[in-house]
Amino acid sequence: MLRKRMQKRQEKKNDPEVRNHYGMLAGAFGIVSNLFLFFIKFLIGLFSHSITIIADAFNSLTDSFSSIVTIVGFHLAKKKPDRLHPYGYARYEYISGLIISFFMFVMGLFFLKSSMDKIIAPEELSLSLATYPVLGVAILGKFLQMIVYSDFAKTLDSKTLKANAVDARNDIVSTAVILVSMILMGVFHLNLDAYMGILVSLFLLFSAYQMIKETMTPLLGSIPTQEEVEMIRSYLLSCPEIRGIHDLVVHNYGVGKYFVTVHAEVPSSMNIVEAHDIMDNLEKKMKEKYGIYLTIHTDPLDLDDQKRNQLERKVQTILEIFDSSLQIHDFRVVTSDSHTNLIFDVVVPFEKDYSKKELVGILKKGFQEEPISYYFVLEIDHPFY
């Protein structure tokens, strides 16, 4: 029902106003449902003297604060760019997701300490028949939350709502463990409350750690997905004048705020005005179709020079034999009376640590039988996708 209310807006999921509507709706749903779960679990926890149930109740209360953070995050993210923040405020969504993940981590630490205190100083439990249906209702409530948050997160590609969905999933697991432990304690009269609390706490801490890593990644800057790279590549290479692309860099300032730079290889015979017009049209269409701010740098190459192409293939082959992950681009040939300069960039993966001297030495060995003296003028580049 919640999703149906927003169905007409789904095709504009990158629109800040649409995302704000989704965030407000999901946040309001979370506040109401989590407060309800807090009250019923807190009352049962007090009555039964169970630290695990009381801790789980306060976890639900914390989830209400997380829902407030969700609302505030989406509201701030919709702010329009200004002089101080020309790229907008869409990253507030990531920040709110990070705050929620920290909430999860802090609650995990709180549960862990409380459970250890209970091992040192155990209390007698007073279980009643009402304990079991209340915990069952709590599991169903969290399951409904997980479905709603997951659905919205997938629709909007939202890290914040995904963090909420993961938190709800964790609550399902923790409450289910509590329910099972209560049943075992009721049947076998064993006080496992504190030990089960430790297991739940460790699970929450691990899940929070995973979510903190995931929400921090876009804030620190990450590579684009393979799907994004292929979309941009296929879009540019559909232009017959572009023979190849390299140095693709994607800057993500939040959902719907992508700035892309790329080098496009074109024949050197092209008229400069014609080339500029083609690239300008590609940039405008990319903005209209995908909402991506694209900047294209043209690299004119003499692709009809057979000798140049032969030398490029030889250099590429020598480097691939040494390391198949190495690629070259911007290959140019400059000749003189005494020698020939081969000028190009070598794309080296970040995990490799090759020096210019090392790569030049490998190429010299590969060209040592050539009758002409070749000098290798290379720059080391790194892949940003």
Protein backbone atom coordinates (compact mmCIF):
# COMPACT_ATOMS: atom_id res chain seq x y z
CA MET A 1 0.00 0.00 0.00
CA LEU A 2 2.85 2.38 0.85
CA ARG A 3 4.61 1.70 -2.43
CA LYS A 4 1.38 2.10 -4.38
CA ARG A 5 1.02 5.67 -3.14
CA MET A 6 4.34 6.51 -4.75
CA GLN A 7 4.01 4.40 -7.91
CA LYS A 8 3.40 7.37 -10.21
CA ARG A 9 6.65 8.96 -9.04
CA GLN A 10 8.83 5.90 -9.53
CA GLU A 11 10.04 6.86 -12.99
CA LYS A 12 11.53 10.04 -11.47
CA LYS A 13 13.44 8.32 -8.67
CA ASN A 14 16.47 10.63 -9.07
CA ASP A 15 14.31 13.72 -8.57
CA PRO A 16 15.13 15.21 -5.11
CA GLU A 17 11.46 15.92 -4.38
CA VAL A 18 10.46 12.34 -5.22
CA ARG A 19 13.25 10.91 -3.05
CA ASN A 20 12.19 13.20 -0.22
CA HIS A 21 8.59 11.90 -0.46
CA TYR A 22 9.82 8.31 -0.28
CA GLY A 23 12.13 9.11 2.64
CA MET A 24 9.41 10.95 4.59
CA LEU A 25 6.96 8.09 4.07
CA ALA A 26 9.46 5.41 5.07
CA GLY A 27 10.60 7.46 8.07
CA ALA A 28 7.07 8.08 9.35
CA PHE A 29 6.25 4.39 9.00
CA GLY A 30 9.42 3.50 10.93
CA ILE A 31 8.73 5.93 13.78
CA VAL A 32 5.19 4.69 14.40
CA SER A 33 5.94 0.97 14.08
CA ASN A 34 9.13 1.10 16.16
CA LEU A 35 7.49 3.04 19.00
CA PHE A 36 4.72 0.43 19.11
CA LEU A 37 7.28 -2.40 19.25
CA PHE A 38 9.27 -0.59 21.94
CA PHE A 39 6.31 -0.26 24.30
CA ILE A 40 5.13 -3.88 24.06
CA LYS A 41 8.67 -5.33 24.38
CA PHE A 42 9.63 -2.97 27.20
CA LEU A 43 6.58 -3.93 29.25
CA ILE A 44 7.21 -7.65 28.76
CA GLY A 45 10.92 -7.16 29.56
CA LEU A 46 10.12 -5.37 32.83
CA PHE A 47 7.61 -8.01 33.83
CA SER A 48 9.95 -10.94 33.08
CA HIS A 49 13.18 -9.23 34.31
CA SER A 50 14.84 -10.17 31.00
CA ILE A 51 17.81 -8.00 30.07
CA THR A 52 17.68 -9.44 26.54
CA ILE A 53 14.07 -8.37 25.96
CA ILE A 54 14.63 -4.93 27.54
CA ALA A 55 17.73 -4.43 25.39
CA ASP A 56 15.73 -5.48 22.32
CA ALA A 57 13.03 -2.97 23.32
CA PHE A 58 15.54 -0.14 23.47
CA ASN A 59 16.87 -1.29 20.12
CA SER A 60 13.39 -0.59 18.72
CA LEU A 61 13.43 2.83 20.37
CA THR A 62 16.79 3.53 18.76
CA ASP A 63 15.27 2.50 15.43
CA SER A 64 12.71 5.28 15.90
CA PHE A 65 15.59 7.75 16.16
CA SER A 66 17.05 6.15 13.03
CA SER A 67 13.77 6.84 11.24
CA ILE A 68 13.99 10.49 12.30
CA VAL A 69 17.53 10.59 10.90
CA THR A 70 16.18 9.11 7.66
CA ILE A 71 13.58 11.88 7.35
CA VAL A 72 16.13 14.61 8.11
CA GLY A 73 18.67 13.08 5.70
CA PHE A 74 16.25 12.95 2.77
CA HIS A 75 14.97 16.44 3.55
CA LEU A 76 18.49 17.92 3.55
CA ALA A 77 19.49 15.95 0.43
CA LYS A 78 16.80 17.68 -1.65
CA LYS A 79 18.33 21.14 -1.06
CA LYS A 80 19.32 22.85 -4.28
CA PRO A 81 22.97 23.63 -5.09
CA ASP A 82 24.25 26.98 -3.88
CA ARG A 83 27.44 29.03 -3.98
CA LEU A 84 29.11 27.07 -1.17
CA HIS A 85 27.97 23.64 -2.39
CA PRO A 86 27.68 23.83 -6.20
CA TYR A 87 27.30 20.05 -6.51
CA GLY A 88 24.24 19.94 -4.26
CA TYR A 89 23.48 18.18 -0.99
CA ALA A 90 22.55 14.68 -2.20
CA ARG A 91 25.34 13.11 -0.12
CA TYR A 92 23.32 13.83 3.02
CA GLU A 93 21.60 10.52 2.24
CA TYR A 94 24.92 8.73 2.66
CA ILE A 95 25.64 10.63 5.88
CA SER A 96 22.27 9.67 7.39
CA GLY A 97 22.91 6.04 6.44
CA LEU A 98 26.27 6.24 8.20
CA ILE A 99 24.65 7.68 11.35
CA ILE A 100 22.11 4.83 11.39
CA SER A 101 24.95 2.31 11.04
CA PHE A 102 26.74 3.91 14.02
CA PHE A 103 23.49 3.68 16.03
CA MET A 104 23.45 -0.05 15.28
CA PHE A 105 27.07 -0.39 16.42
CA VAL A 106 26.52 1.53 19.68
CA MET A 107 23.44 -0.56 20.51
CA GLY A 108 25.47 -3.71 19.87
CA LEU A 109 28.07 -2.54 22.39
CA PHE A 110 25.32 -1.66 24.90
CA PHE A 111 23.75 -5.13 24.55
CA LEU A 112 27.15 -6.77 24.95
CA LYS A 113 27.95 -4.91 28.17
CA SER A 114 24.49 -5.52 29.64
CA SER A 115 24.68 -9.23 28.82
CA MET A 116 28.11 -9.57 30.46
CA ASP A 117 26.80 -7.80 33.57
CA LYS A 118 23.97 -10.33 33.69
CA ILE A 119 26.45 -13.21 33.60
CA ILE A 120 28.29 -11.71 36.58
CA ALA A 121 25.09 -10.92 38.48
CA PRO A 122 22.23 -13.08 37.08
CA GLU A 123 18.59 -12.35 37.89
CA GLU A 124 15.71 -14.79 38.12
CA LEU A 125 13.39 -14.64 35.09
CA SER A 126 9.62 -14.48 35.41
CA LEU A 127 8.30 -15.73 32.10
CA SER A 128 4.60 -15.59 31.26
CA LEU A 129 2.53 -16.89 28.37
CA ALA A 130 2.24 -13.31 27.07
CA THR A 131 6.01 -13.24 26.42
CA TYR A 132 5.81 -15.56 23.41
CA PRO A 133 3.02 -13.92 21.36
CA VAL A 134 4.49 -10.46 22.03
CA LEU A 135 7.86 -11.54 20.66
CA GLY A 136 6.07 -13.19 17.72
CA VAL A 137 4.26 -9.91 16.96
CA ALA A 138 7.60 -8.08 17.17
CA ILE A 139 9.12 -10.44 14.59
CA LEU A 140 6.18 -9.92 12.21
CA GLY A 141 6.41 -6.15 12.67
CA LYS A 142 10.11 -6.13 11.84
CA PHE A 143 9.52 -8.40 8.86
CA LEU A 144 7.02 -5.88 7.50
CA GLN A 145 9.55 -3.08 8.07
CA MET A 146 12.25 -5.01 6.23
CA ILE A 147 9.98 -5.53 3.21
CA VAL A 148 9.00 -1.85 3.05
CA TYR A 149 12.55 -0.54 3.51
CA SER A 150 14.03 -3.05 1.04
CA ASP A 151 11.41 -2.21 -1.57
CA PHE A 152 11.99 1.54 -1.22
CA ALA A 153 15.78 1.10 -1.12
CA LYS A 154 15.72 -0.88 -4.37
CA THR A 155 13.40 1.63 -6.03
CA LEU A 156 15.56 4.62 -5.07
CA ASP A 157 18.98 2.91 -4.94
CA SER A 158 19.24 4.42 -1.43
CA LYS A 159 22.05 3.52 1.00
CA THR A 160 20.06 5.05 3.87
CA LEU A 161 16.97 2.91 3.33
CA LYS A 162 19.17 -0.12 2.74
CA ALA A 163 20.75 0.51 6.15
CA ASN A 164 17.23 0.62 7.63
CA ALA A 165 16.37 -2.67 5.89
CA VAL A 166 19.52 -4.34 7.23
CA ASP A 167 18.74 -3.03 10.72
CA ALA A 168 15.22 -4.50 10.50
CA ARG A 169 16.67 -7.83 9.34
CA ASN A 170 19.07 -7.82 12.30
CA ASP A 171 16.14 -7.18 14.64
CA ILE A 172 14.28 -10.15 13.16
CA VAL A 173 17.26 -12.40 13.87
CA SER A 174 17.86 -11.02 17.37
CA THR A 175 14.18 -11.22 18.39
CA ALA A 176 13.90 -14.73 16.92
CA VAL A 177 16.94 -15.80 18.97
CA ILE A 178 15.34 -14.26 22.06
CA LEU A 179 12.06 -16.10 21.39
CA VAL A 180 13.85 -19.44 20.96
CA SER A 181 15.89 -18.85 24.12
CA MET A 182 12.73 -18.00 26.08
CA ILE A 183 11.08 -21.22 24.91
CA LEU A 184 14.17 -23.24 25.91
CA MET A 185 14.31 -21.52 29.30
CA GLY A 186 10.62 -22.20 29.87
CA VAL A 187 10.94 -25.89 28.98
CA PHE A 188 14.30 -26.73 30.56
CA HIS A 189 14.37 -24.04 33.29
CA LEU A 190 17.81 -22.84 32.23
CA ASN A 191 18.68 -19.13 32.45
CA LEU A 192 20.30 -18.55 29.03
CA ASP A 193 19.23 -14.92 28.87
CA ALA A 194 22.68 -13.30 29.19
CA TYR A 195 24.41 -15.79 26.88
CA MET A 196 21.82 -15.32 24.15
CA GLY A 197 22.22 -11.57 24.64
CA ILE A 198 25.95 -11.89 23.88
CA LEU A 199 25.23 -13.80 20.65
CA VAL A 200 22.71 -11.17 19.55
CA SER A 201 25.16 -8.38 20.42
CA LEU A 202 27.98 -9.90 18.36
CA PHE A 203 25.64 -10.31 15.39
CA LEU A 204 24.55 -6.67 15.64
CA LEU A 205 28.15 -5.46 15.89
CA PHE A 206 29.20 -7.40 12.80
CA SER A 207 26.21 -6.20 10.76
CA ALA A 208 26.82 -2.60 11.85
CA TYR A 209 30.48 -2.86 10.86
CA GLN A 210 29.51 -4.11 7.39
CA MET A 211 27.00 -1.27 6.93
CA ILE A 212 29.50 1.37 8.11
CA LYS A 213 31.95 0.15 5.47
CA GLU A 214 29.28 0.20 2.76
CA THR A 215 27.93 3.66 3.58
CA MET A 216 31.43 5.19 3.89
CA THR A 217 32.52 3.97 0.46
CA PRO A 218 30.57 6.53 -1.63
CA LEU A 219 31.61 9.30 0.78
CA LEU A 220 35.29 8.47 0.29
CA GLY A 221 34.86 8.05 -3.45
CA SER A 222 34.47 4.71 -5.21
CA ILE A 223 34.78 3.34 -8.71
CA PRO A 224 31.60 3.21 -10.83
CA THR A 225 29.80 -0.10 -11.25
CA GLN A 226 30.44 -2.26 -14.31
CA GLU A 227 26.90 -1.48 -15.50
CA GLU A 228 27.57 2.28 -15.33
CA VAL A 229 30.86 1.91 -17.21
CA GLU A 230 29.28 -0.20 -19.94
CA MET A 231 26.38 2.24 -20.31
CA ILE A 232 28.74 5.19 -20.79
CA ARG A 233 31.08 3.21 -23.04
CA SER A 234 28.31 1.92 -25.32
CA TYR A 235 26.74 5.38 -25.48
CA LEU A 236 29.98 7.04 -26.61
CA LEU A 237 31.11 4.28 -28.96
CA SER A 238 27.73 4.42 -30.70
CA CYS A 239 29.06 7.65 -32.22
CA PRO A 240 30.86 6.57 -35.44
CA GLU A 241 33.49 9.31 -35.13
CA ILE A 242 34.72 7.98 -31.76
CA ARG A 243 37.18 5.07 -32.23
CA GLY A 244 37.89 4.43 -28.56
CA ILE A 245 37.74 5.90 -25.06
CA HIS A 246 40.03 5.97 -22.04
CA ASP A 247 40.66 7.90 -18.81
CA LEU A 248 37.00 7.53 -17.80
CA VAL A 249 36.47 9.14 -14.38
CA VAL A 250 33.11 9.19 -12.58
CA HIS A 251 32.54 11.54 -9.63
CA ASN A 252 29.48 10.70 -7.53
CA TYR A 253 28.07 13.55 -5.42
CA GLY A 254 24.95 11.58 -4.46
CA VAL A 255 22.15 9.87 -6.34
CA GLY A 256 21.37 11.79 -9.51
CA LYS A 257 24.54 13.90 -9.20
CA TYR A 258 27.14 12.28 -11.46
CA PHE A 259 29.99 14.18 -13.12
CA VAL A 260 31.92 12.24 -15.74
CA THR A 261 35.09 13.06 -17.67
CA VAL A 262 36.43 10.92 -20.50
CA HIS A 263 38.98 11.03 -23.32
CA ALA A 264 37.57 10.13 -26.73
CA GLU A 265 39.86 9.04 -29.57
CA VAL A 266 38.95 10.55 -32.94
CA PRO A 267 40.72 10.64 -36.32
CA SER A 268 43.22 13.50 -36.54
CA SER A 269 41.78 14.32 -39.97
CA MET A 270 38.55 15.59 -38.39
CA ASN A 271 37.80 19.28 -38.55
CA ILE A 272 38.21 20.79 -35.07
CA VAL A 273 34.90 22.66 -35.27
CA GLU A 274 33.09 19.52 -36.40
CA ALA A 275 34.66 17.46 -33.58
CA HIS A 276 33.65 20.07 -30.99
CA ASP A 277 30.07 20.11 -32.26
CA ILE A 278 29.80 16.30 -32.08
CA MET A 279 31.17 16.17 -28.52
CA ASP A 280 28.96 19.06 -27.44
CA ASN A 281 25.85 17.24 -28.67
CA LEU A 282 26.92 14.03 -26.91
CA GLU A 283 27.33 15.92 -23.63
CA LYS A 284 23.89 17.52 -23.93
CA LYS A 285 22.16 14.22 -24.79
CA MET A 286 23.86 12.44 -21.89
CA LYS A 287 22.52 15.11 -19.52
CA GLU A 288 19.00 14.88 -20.97
CA LYS A 289 18.84 11.08 -21.11
CA TYR A 290 20.72 10.00 -17.98
CA GLY A 291 21.11 13.18 -15.90
CA ILE A 292 24.91 12.84 -16.11
CA TYR A 293 27.15 15.89 -16.48
CA LEU A 294 29.63 14.69 -19.11
CA THR A 295 32.85 16.40 -20.23
CA ILE A 296 34.65 14.91 -23.24
CA HIS A 297 38.30 15.57 -24.07
CA THR A 298 39.16 14.72 -27.69
CA ASP A 299 42.39 12.89 -28.50
CA PRO A 300 43.17 13.18 -32.24
CA LEU A 301 45.01 10.09 -33.48
CA ASP A 302 46.34 9.25 -36.92
CA LEU A 303 44.58 5.89 -37.04
CA ASP A 304 45.25 5.45 -40.78
CA ASP A 305 49.03 5.36 -40.31
CA GLN A 306 49.87 1.66 -40.71
CA LYS A 307 53.37 1.99 -39.28
CA ARG A 308 51.99 3.70 -36.15
CA ASN A 309 49.32 1.01 -35.71
CA GLN A 310 51.95 -1.73 -36.12
CA LEU A 311 54.19 -0.19 -33.46
CA GLU A 312 51.24 0.26 -31.09
CA ARG A 313 50.28 -3.40 -31.43
CA LYS A 314 53.88 -4.48 -30.78
CA VAL A 315 54.18 -2.33 -27.63
CA GLN A 316 50.83 -3.63 -26.37
CA THR A 317 51.82 -7.24 -27.05
CA ILE A 318 55.16 -6.92 -25.21
CA LEU A 319 53.48 -5.41 -22.15
CA GLU A 320 50.65 -7.99 -22.17
CA ILE A 321 53.19 -10.84 -22.23
CA PHE A 322 54.85 -9.29 -19.17
CA ASP A 323 51.50 -8.58 -17.43
CA SER A 324 48.13 -9.12 -19.12
CA SER A 325 46.51 -6.38 -17.00
CA LEU A 326 48.60 -3.61 -18.63
CA GLN A 327 46.97 -1.47 -21.31
CA ILE A 328 48.17 1.52 -23.34
CA HIS A 329 46.47 4.55 -24.89
CA ASP A 330 47.29 7.91 -26.52
CA PHE A 331 49.95 6.23 -28.66
CA ARG A 332 51.94 8.62 -30.84
CA VAL A 333 55.07 8.32 -32.98
CA VAL A 334 57.57 11.17 -33.38
CA THR A 335 60.48 10.52 -35.72
CA SER A 336 63.87 12.23 -36.10
CA ASP A 337 67.09 11.55 -38.02
CA SER A 338 68.73 9.59 -35.18
CA HIS A 339 65.82 7.82 -33.43
CA THR A 340 62.05 7.46 -33.07
CA ASN A 341 60.09 8.42 -29.96
CA LEU A 342 57.13 6.25 -28.98
CA ILE A 343 54.92 8.34 -26.69
CA PHE A 344 52.04 6.76 -24.78
CA ASP A 345 50.36 6.15 -21.40
CA VAL A 346 50.41 2.78 -19.64
CA VAL A 347 47.39 1.93 -17.48
CA VAL A 348 48.71 0.10 -14.40
CA PRO A 349 46.29 -1.38 -11.81
CA PHE A 350 46.53 0.20 -8.35
CA GLU A 351 47.70 -3.06 -6.79
CA LYS A 352 50.76 -3.21 -9.11
CA ASP A 353 53.87 -1.16 -8.40
CA TYR A 354 55.75 -0.94 -11.68
CA SER A 355 58.13 1.96 -12.23
CA LYS A 356 58.70 3.76 -15.54
CA LYS A 357 62.27 2.46 -15.58
CA GLU A 358 61.09 -1.13 -15.21
CA LEU A 359 58.54 -0.88 -18.02
CA VAL A 360 60.98 0.92 -20.34
CA GLY A 361 63.53 -1.86 -19.72
CA ILE A 362 60.98 -4.51 -20.73
CA LEU A 363 60.13 -2.62 -23.93
CA LYS A 364 63.81 -2.13 -24.84
CA LYS A 365 64.34 -5.89 -24.67
CA GLY A 366 61.36 -6.42 -26.96
CA PHE A 367 62.69 -3.91 -29.50
CA GLN A 368 66.40 -4.79 -29.29
CA GLU A 369 66.43 -6.51 -32.68
CA GLU A 370 64.82 -3.56 -34.47
CA PRO A 371 67.13 -1.76 -36.92
CA ILE A 372 65.88 1.64 -35.73
CA SER A 373 66.59 3.15 -32.29
CA TYR A 374 63.37 3.59 -30.33
CA TYR A 375 62.97 5.77 -27.25
CA PHE A 376 60.00 5.08 -24.99
CA VAL A 377 58.39 8.17 -23.50
CA LEU A 378 55.69 6.80 -21.26
CA GLU A 379 53.52 7.96 -18.39
CA ILE A 380 51.98 5.62 -15.84
CA ASP A 381 48.20 5.97 -15.51
CA HIS A 382 45.75 4.20 -13.18
CA PRO A 383 42.27 2.86 -13.95
CA PHE A 384 39.38 4.77 -12.36
CA TYR A 385 36.81 2.18 -13.43
